[in-house]
Amino acid sequence: MNRKILAIITFQAIIIVLLFWGTVFLGKDEYERYSSEQDDKVDTQNFVTHKEGATYVSLNPKIQAQSDIRTEVLKNESKTEMINAYGSIGSIENLIELRIKYLSAISEENVIAASLKNYQMDYQRLKQLNQDNQNISDRVLEASESALKTNQEKLNASETLATNLKDAIRQTWGDDLMSMAIKQTPDPVLRSLLDYKSVIIKVTIPFDVTLDKSTKFIYVTPTASHDKSVRASYLSISPQSDVSLQGKSFFYVAPSEDLRVGTQINVSIPRNKIFSGVYIPANAVIWFSGKAWVYKKIGEDKFIRVPVNTENTFKDGWLEDKNLKPDDIIVTNGAQLLLSEEFKYQIKNENED
C-alpha cells in the first residue's frame, strides 16, 4: 500500500515540474517580445519626436554629458575665397647636382681664362721679336701660337659646358631658380633649401584659374594628415607640370618642420573675393545621403538636423549663409550619436508600417 502511495506522489511531482518548465518555456518568447516593445517605446518616447515634418532628437543634459556631446555658438565671419589644388613636396637633389657641376665648370673656366692671358702675352712678345730681324725663330713662334689656340679651345669648351648647365637648370627649375643656383654664394632662399630648413613645393592649378600677382602665399596640408595647414611662399613659375595632374605648375617654399620630401599635399589658394556667413568646422559635419548636415541645438535638450551649404569651402570647414545664422548653436562632437537615435525612430516607424 505504501508503495502505491509513494508512486502516486512521485508521479504528481513529475507532472508539477513538467508543467512549471512548460510554462517558463512558452512564456519566454512572449516576455522578450514585451520587453523589446517596452524598450522601443521608452527609447522613442524619450529621445525622438516627429512634429510638422521635422524630426527632433531629445537628450537631457545628464545624457549629453555622459555622451560627451559638445556644442559651439556660431558667429558671423568673413573669409577670403579659396581655390583647392594639389601638389607635392619635391627633392632639390637634381638642382644641387647641376649647381655643383656649373660652379665647377665656372671655376675651371676662370683658371683657363687666367692662363690664356699669359699665353696671349707670351705669343705677342714672341711675335714682336720674330718680326725684329728674326730674333725668335718661326718654329718657336708657331709653338707659342699652337699653345695659345689649345687654351682658347679649352676656354670655349668650358664656357659651352657652363652655358649648357645653365640651360639644363632653366629647363627643369625655371629662370628664377636658375639665377639663384648659379651664384657662388647662395641667397637666403636657396641657403634655406640647401640646409633643409625649408622645402620646395610644386603646386598645380587648373588651366582656367589665374593666380593674382597679390597671391604671395598659399596654405598646404599633407593629404593623409589632419594637422593644421602650413603657409607657403611663392617662389617662381615651374617650366614643367606634374605628370599626374593637369594644369599649370608653380614653385612655393615652406618650413620643413612638418613637411617631408615626396609627400602629396592639398593646397588652398586665397583669392580676392570675400564671403560672409557663419563658419561651420569640419568636425561638426556628418554626411548622409550625399549631403552635409549638422545638428542644431534648440533649447536645453532638443536637436534638429540641418543641411549645410558646401558651395563656399574653406580651410577645415565651410561658410554657411543659407540654413544657419549667427547665435545658432550646433553640435561639434557627438553628431553621429544623434543621427543614430534618429535612425532608430525611422526604422521603428518603417517596421510598424
Protein backbone atom coordinates (compact mmCIF):
# COMPACT_ATOMS: atom_id res chain seq x y z
CA MET A 1 0.00 0.00 0.00
CA ASN A 2 2.82 2.34 0.93
CA ARG A 3 4.50 1.71 -2.40
CA LYS A 4 1.34 2.67 -4.25
CA ILE A 5 1.06 6.00 -2.37
CA LEU A 6 4.74 6.74 -3.00
CA ALA A 7 4.33 6.09 -6.71
CA ILE A 8 1.32 8.44 -6.88
CA ILE A 9 3.23 11.20 -5.08
CA THR A 10 6.25 10.77 -7.36
CA PHE A 11 4.08 10.92 -10.47
CA GLN A 12 2.35 14.11 -9.24
CA ALA A 13 5.74 15.73 -8.56
CA ILE A 14 6.94 14.93 -12.07
CA ILE A 15 3.75 16.42 -13.55
CA ILE A 16 4.20 19.61 -11.48
CA VAL A 17 7.85 20.03 -12.64
CA LEU A 18 6.91 19.47 -16.28
CA LEU A 19 4.06 21.98 -16.05
CA PHE A 20 6.41 24.56 -14.45
CA TRP A 21 9.09 24.29 -17.13
CA GLY A 22 6.49 24.22 -19.87
CA THR A 23 5.05 27.48 -18.57
CA VAL A 24 8.53 29.05 -18.43
CA PHE A 25 9.38 27.90 -21.96
CA LEU A 26 6.11 29.06 -23.51
CA GLY A 27 6.21 32.44 -21.75
CA LYS A 28 9.84 33.21 -22.60
CA ASP A 29 9.23 34.46 -26.17
CA GLU A 30 6.24 36.50 -25.07
CA TYR A 31 8.22 38.08 -22.27
CA GLU A 32 11.14 39.01 -24.54
CA ARG A 33 8.75 40.44 -27.13
CA TYR A 34 7.05 42.51 -24.45
CA SER A 35 10.40 43.76 -23.08
CA SER A 36 11.60 44.71 -26.55
CA GLU A 37 8.40 46.63 -27.24
CA GLN A 38 8.72 48.42 -23.94
CA ASP A 39 12.37 49.34 -24.67
CA ASP A 40 11.47 50.65 -28.11
CA LYS A 41 8.61 52.57 -26.66
CA VAL A 42 10.80 54.12 -23.98
CA ASP A 43 13.61 54.95 -26.42
CA THR A 44 11.33 56.57 -28.97
CA GLN A 45 9.31 58.38 -26.38
CA ASN A 46 12.32 59.73 -24.55
CA PHE A 47 14.65 60.59 -27.45
CA VAL A 48 12.82 61.19 -30.75
CA THR A 49 9.70 63.15 -31.66
CA HIS A 50 8.21 63.96 -35.04
CA LYS A 51 6.35 67.24 -35.43
CA GLU A 52 5.21 69.15 -38.53
CA GLY A 53 7.51 67.21 -40.84
CA ALA A 54 10.59 67.71 -38.67
CA THR A 55 12.35 65.11 -36.53
CA TYR A 56 13.70 66.22 -33.15
CA VAL A 57 16.14 64.25 -31.03
CA SER A 58 15.84 64.95 -27.31
CA LEU A 59 18.57 64.19 -24.79
CA ASN A 60 18.55 65.52 -21.27
CA PRO A 61 21.67 67.37 -20.04
CA LYS A 62 22.82 64.36 -18.00
CA ILE A 63 22.83 62.07 -21.06
CA GLN A 64 24.52 64.82 -23.12
CA ALA A 65 27.33 65.00 -20.57
CA GLN A 66 27.69 61.21 -20.43
CA SER A 67 27.81 61.03 -24.24
CA ASP A 68 30.40 63.86 -24.47
CA ILE A 69 28.15 65.96 -26.70
CA ARG A 70 29.78 69.36 -27.20
CA THR A 71 28.36 72.44 -28.90
CA GLU A 72 29.51 75.75 -30.34
CA VAL A 73 27.77 79.09 -30.82
CA LEU A 74 28.00 80.28 -34.43
CA LYS A 75 29.36 83.72 -35.23
CA ASN A 76 29.28 85.76 -38.40
CA GLU A 77 32.63 85.72 -40.21
CA SER A 78 34.16 86.99 -43.43
CA LYS A 79 36.64 84.81 -45.29
CA THR A 80 38.63 85.04 -48.49
CA GLU A 81 37.62 82.71 -51.31
CA MET A 82 39.85 79.66 -51.53
CA ILE A 83 40.68 77.57 -54.60
CA ASN A 84 41.56 73.95 -53.92
CA ALA A 85 44.52 72.44 -55.73
CA TYR A 86 47.08 69.68 -55.32
CA GLY A 87 50.83 69.41 -55.23
CA SER A 88 53.83 67.53 -53.96
CA ILE A 89 56.97 68.28 -51.98
CA GLY A 90 59.92 67.82 -54.33
CA SER A 91 63.57 66.95 -53.91
CA ILE A 92 66.22 69.51 -54.94
CA GLU A 93 68.88 66.81 -55.41
CA ASN A 94 68.95 67.45 -59.17
CA LEU A 95 69.27 71.20 -58.60
CA ILE A 96 72.18 70.67 -56.19
CA GLU A 97 73.94 68.34 -58.63
CA LEU A 98 73.61 70.77 -61.55
CA ARG A 99 74.72 73.66 -59.36
CA ILE A 100 77.88 71.82 -58.30
CA LYS A 101 78.71 70.98 -61.92
CA TYR A 102 78.06 74.55 -63.04
CA LEU A 103 80.22 76.11 -60.31
CA SER A 104 82.98 73.59 -61.11
CA ALA A 105 82.78 74.49 -64.80
CA ILE A 106 82.95 78.22 -63.97
CA SER A 107 85.93 77.65 -61.69
CA GLU A 108 87.75 75.76 -64.44
CA GLU A 109 86.79 78.44 -66.93
CA ASN A 110 88.33 81.15 -64.72
CA VAL A 111 91.57 79.17 -64.38
CA ILE A 112 91.80 78.65 -68.15
CA ALA A 113 90.94 82.30 -68.83
CA ALA A 114 93.75 83.47 -66.49
CA SER A 115 96.19 81.06 -68.14
CA LEU A 116 95.07 82.19 -71.59
CA LYS A 117 96.08 85.78 -70.83
CA ASN A 118 99.63 84.60 -70.14
CA TYR A 119 99.69 82.63 -73.38
CA GLN A 120 98.41 85.66 -75.31
CA MET A 121 101.07 87.94 -73.78
CA ASP A 122 103.80 85.38 -74.47
CA TYR A 123 102.68 84.94 -78.05
CA GLN A 124 102.56 88.71 -78.69
CA ARG A 125 106.09 89.11 -77.24
CA LEU A 126 107.49 86.28 -79.37
CA LYS A 127 105.71 87.59 -82.46
CA GLN A 128 107.29 91.02 -81.99
CA LEU A 129 110.72 89.51 -81.53
CA ASN A 130 110.25 87.36 -84.61
CA GLN A 131 109.41 90.44 -86.67
CA ASP A 132 112.53 92.25 -85.38
CA ASN A 133 115.25 90.71 -87.53
CA GLN A 134 114.19 87.14 -86.79
CA ASN A 135 115.44 87.26 -83.18
CA ILE A 136 112.98 84.42 -82.50
CA SER A 137 112.65 81.55 -84.91
CA ASP A 138 109.43 80.82 -86.75
CA ARG A 139 109.35 77.41 -85.11
CA VAL A 140 109.23 78.88 -81.59
CA LEU A 141 106.54 81.34 -82.64
CA GLU A 142 104.45 78.52 -84.14
CA ALA A 143 104.70 76.51 -80.90
CA SER A 144 103.53 79.51 -78.89
CA GLU A 145 100.64 80.07 -81.27
CA SER A 146 99.63 76.40 -81.04
CA ALA A 147 99.61 76.55 -77.22
CA LEU A 148 97.50 79.71 -77.39
CA LYS A 149 94.92 78.09 -79.67
CA THR A 150 94.76 74.97 -77.47
CA ASN A 151 94.00 77.04 -74.39
CA GLN A 152 91.45 79.09 -76.33
CA GLU A 153 89.66 75.87 -77.32
CA LYS A 154 89.68 74.72 -73.67
CA LEU A 155 88.15 78.01 -72.65
CA ASN A 156 85.47 77.73 -75.35
CA ALA A 157 84.64 74.17 -74.21
CA SER A 158 84.41 75.26 -70.58
CA GLU A 159 82.14 78.20 -71.50
CA THR A 160 79.92 75.90 -73.55
CA LEU A 161 79.65 73.43 -70.66
CA ALA A 162 78.69 76.22 -68.25
CA THR A 163 76.07 77.53 -70.70
CA ASN A 164 74.60 74.05 -71.19
CA LEU A 165 74.39 73.53 -67.43
CA LYS A 166 72.58 76.86 -67.04
CA ASP A 167 70.13 75.79 -69.76
CA ALA A 168 69.59 72.44 -68.01
CA ILE A 169 68.78 74.19 -64.73
CA ARG A 170 66.44 76.61 -66.52
CA GLN A 171 64.57 73.80 -68.31
CA THR A 172 63.86 71.96 -65.06
CA TRP A 173 63.65 74.73 -62.47
CA GLY A 174 62.92 77.96 -64.35
CA ASP A 175 64.75 81.28 -64.66
CA ASP A 176 64.36 82.40 -61.05
CA LEU A 177 65.81 79.28 -59.51
CA MET A 178 68.50 79.15 -62.19
CA SER A 179 69.59 82.66 -61.23
CA MET A 180 69.80 81.59 -57.58
CA ALA A 181 71.67 78.35 -58.32
CA ILE A 182 74.48 79.87 -60.40
CA LYS A 183 75.58 82.30 -57.67
CA GLN A 184 78.74 81.33 -55.85
CA THR A 185 77.19 82.47 -52.54
CA PRO A 186 73.56 81.28 -52.20
CA ASP A 187 70.89 83.86 -51.39
CA PRO A 188 68.77 83.30 -48.22
CA VAL A 189 66.03 81.31 -50.02
CA LEU A 190 68.42 78.84 -51.64
CA ARG A 191 70.53 78.64 -48.49
CA SER A 192 67.43 77.63 -46.52
CA LEU A 193 66.63 74.93 -49.10
CA LEU A 194 70.20 73.62 -49.07
CA ASP A 195 70.18 73.47 -45.25
CA TYR A 196 66.78 71.69 -45.34
CA LYS A 197 65.22 74.41 -43.24
CA SER A 198 62.64 74.76 -45.99
CA VAL A 199 61.23 72.54 -48.72
CA ILE A 200 60.18 73.28 -52.27
CA ILE A 201 56.59 72.53 -53.27
CA LYS A 202 55.30 72.12 -56.81
CA VAL A 203 51.65 73.21 -56.94
CA THR A 204 49.43 72.53 -59.96
CA ILE A 205 46.29 74.62 -60.54
CA PRO A 206 43.60 74.21 -63.24
CA PHE A 207 44.26 75.87 -66.61
CA ASP A 208 41.21 78.13 -66.24
CA VAL A 209 42.41 79.59 -62.92
CA THR A 210 44.62 82.68 -62.94
CA LEU A 211 46.78 83.48 -59.93
CA ASP A 212 46.69 87.16 -59.00
CA LYS A 213 50.02 88.96 -58.59
CA SER A 214 48.98 89.60 -54.99
CA THR A 215 48.78 85.86 -54.28
CA LYS A 216 52.09 85.57 -52.43
CA PHE A 217 51.00 82.86 -50.00
CA ILE A 218 49.08 79.58 -50.09
CA TYR A 219 48.18 77.03 -47.41
CA VAL A 220 49.29 73.42 -47.71
CA THR A 221 48.35 70.28 -45.77
CA PRO A 222 49.70 66.73 -46.30
CA THR A 223 46.96 64.64 -47.96
CA ALA A 224 46.99 61.92 -45.28
CA SER A 225 47.19 64.37 -42.38
CA HIS A 226 44.62 66.32 -40.37
CA ASP A 227 47.20 68.70 -38.94
CA LYS A 228 46.92 72.46 -39.28
CA SER A 229 47.80 73.97 -42.64
CA VAL A 230 51.26 75.40 -43.26
CA ARG A 231 51.75 78.70 -45.08
CA ALA A 232 53.96 78.53 -48.17
CA SER A 233 55.52 81.50 -50.04
CA TYR A 234 55.51 81.98 -53.80
CA LEU A 235 58.87 81.30 -55.45
CA SER A 236 58.54 81.04 -59.25
CA ILE A 237 56.82 79.51 -62.25
CA SER A 238 57.67 75.87 -62.90
CA PRO A 239 58.57 75.15 -66.54
CA GLN A 240 57.40 71.54 -66.11
CA SER A 241 53.97 70.37 -64.94
CA ASP A 242 53.28 67.40 -62.72
CA VAL A 243 52.77 64.37 -64.98
CA SER A 244 49.97 63.07 -62.72
CA LEU A 245 47.99 66.34 -62.74
CA GLN A 246 46.59 68.55 -65.49
CA GLY A 247 47.22 72.27 -65.14
CA LYS A 248 49.82 75.00 -64.61
CA SER A 249 52.57 74.44 -62.07
CA PHE A 250 54.31 76.84 -59.69
CA PHE A 251 57.04 76.55 -57.07
CA TYR A 252 56.45 77.56 -53.44
CA VAL A 253 58.65 77.23 -50.36
CA ALA A 254 57.54 76.33 -46.83
CA PRO A 255 59.21 75.48 -43.50
CA SER A 256 60.40 71.87 -43.45
CA GLU A 257 59.44 71.19 -39.83
CA ASP A 258 56.21 69.27 -40.60
CA LEU A 259 56.76 68.57 -44.30
CA ARG A 260 58.77 65.78 -45.93
CA VAL A 261 60.07 65.26 -49.45
CA GLY A 262 57.76 63.08 -51.55
CA THR A 263 54.61 63.96 -49.60
CA GLN A 264 51.42 64.64 -51.58
CA ILE A 265 49.61 67.74 -50.36
CA ASN A 266 46.27 69.52 -50.53
CA VAL A 267 46.53 73.20 -51.37
CA SER A 268 44.23 76.13 -50.53
CA ILE A 269 44.87 79.24 -52.64
CA PRO A 270 43.33 82.51 -51.37
CA ARG A 271 41.63 84.81 -53.89
CA ASN A 272 40.43 88.43 -53.76
CA LYS A 273 36.74 87.53 -53.37
CA ILE A 274 35.31 87.79 -49.84
CA PHE A 275 32.40 85.69 -48.48
CA SER A 276 30.36 86.28 -45.32
CA GLY A 277 28.36 83.85 -43.22
CA VAL A 278 28.69 81.53 -40.22
CA TYR A 279 31.71 79.24 -40.20
CA ILE A 280 30.96 75.51 -39.91
CA PRO A 281 34.02 73.50 -38.79
CA ALA A 282 34.59 70.16 -40.50
CA ASN A 283 34.34 68.21 -37.21
CA ALA A 284 30.71 69.35 -36.80
CA VAL A 285 29.56 67.94 -40.15
CA ILE A 286 28.11 64.48 -40.78
CA TRP A 287 27.45 63.13 -44.28
CA PHE A 288 24.16 61.43 -45.08
CA SER A 289 22.58 60.69 -48.48
CA GLY A 290 25.40 62.55 -50.21
CA LYS A 291 24.78 65.79 -48.30
CA ALA A 292 26.45 67.58 -45.41
CA TRP A 293 24.45 68.08 -42.20
CA VAL A 294 24.87 69.48 -38.70
CA TYR A 295 22.69 69.14 -35.62
CA LYS A 296 21.33 72.44 -34.37
CA LYS A 297 20.51 72.67 -30.66
CA ILE A 298 17.09 74.03 -29.77
CA GLY A 299 16.54 74.82 -26.11
CA GLU A 300 18.17 72.76 -23.42
CA ASP A 301 17.63 69.25 -24.71
CA LYS A 302 16.39 69.24 -28.33
CA PHE A 303 18.36 68.86 -31.55
CA ILE A 304 17.33 69.04 -35.20
CA ARG A 305 19.32 68.04 -38.28
CA VAL A 306 20.01 70.97 -40.66
CA PRO A 307 21.63 70.82 -44.15
CA VAL A 308 24.89 72.68 -44.74
CA ASN A 309 25.59 74.63 -47.91
CA THR A 310 29.01 73.38 -49.06
CA GLU A 311 29.46 75.75 -52.01
CA ASN A 312 31.83 78.00 -50.09
CA THR A 313 34.61 75.66 -48.99
CA PHE A 314 37.43 76.97 -46.86
CA LYS A 315 40.35 75.60 -44.91
CA ASP A 316 38.99 73.00 -42.44
CA GLY A 317 35.31 73.88 -42.98
CA TRP A 318 32.55 75.74 -44.82
CA LEU A 319 30.97 79.19 -44.73
CA GLU A 320 27.19 78.81 -44.47
CA ASP A 321 24.85 81.64 -45.46
CA LYS A 322 21.53 79.90 -46.11
CA ASN A 323 20.35 77.49 -43.41
CA LEU A 324 22.13 78.75 -40.29
CA LYS A 325 22.69 82.17 -38.75
CA PRO A 326 24.76 83.82 -36.01
CA ASP A 327 23.98 82.70 -32.43
CA ASP A 328 22.67 79.33 -33.62
CA ILE A 329 24.18 76.50 -31.57
CA ILE A 330 25.49 73.43 -33.38
CA VAL A 331 26.92 70.13 -32.18
CA THR A 332 30.68 69.84 -32.75
CA ASN A 333 31.13 66.47 -31.06
CA GLY A 334 28.54 63.67 -30.86
CA ALA A 335 26.53 64.37 -34.01
CA GLN A 336 26.90 60.73 -35.09
CA LEU A 337 25.15 59.59 -31.89
CA LEU A 338 22.21 61.90 -32.60
CA LEU A 339 21.99 60.58 -36.15
CA SER A 340 21.89 57.01 -34.78
CA GLU A 341 18.99 57.90 -32.48
CA GLU A 342 17.14 59.48 -35.38
CA PHE A 343 17.66 56.31 -37.44
CA LYS A 344 16.18 54.18 -34.66
CA TYR A 345 12.99 56.21 -34.90
CA GLN A 346 12.83 55.89 -38.69
CA ILE A 347 13.47 52.14 -38.63
CA LYS A 348 10.78 51.57 -35.99
CA ASN A 349 8.22 53.56 -38.00
CA GLU A 350 9.03 51.57 -41.15
CA ASN A 351 8.59 48.28 -39.26
CA GLU A 352 5.24 49.40 -37.85
CA ASP A 353 4.04 50.38 -41.33
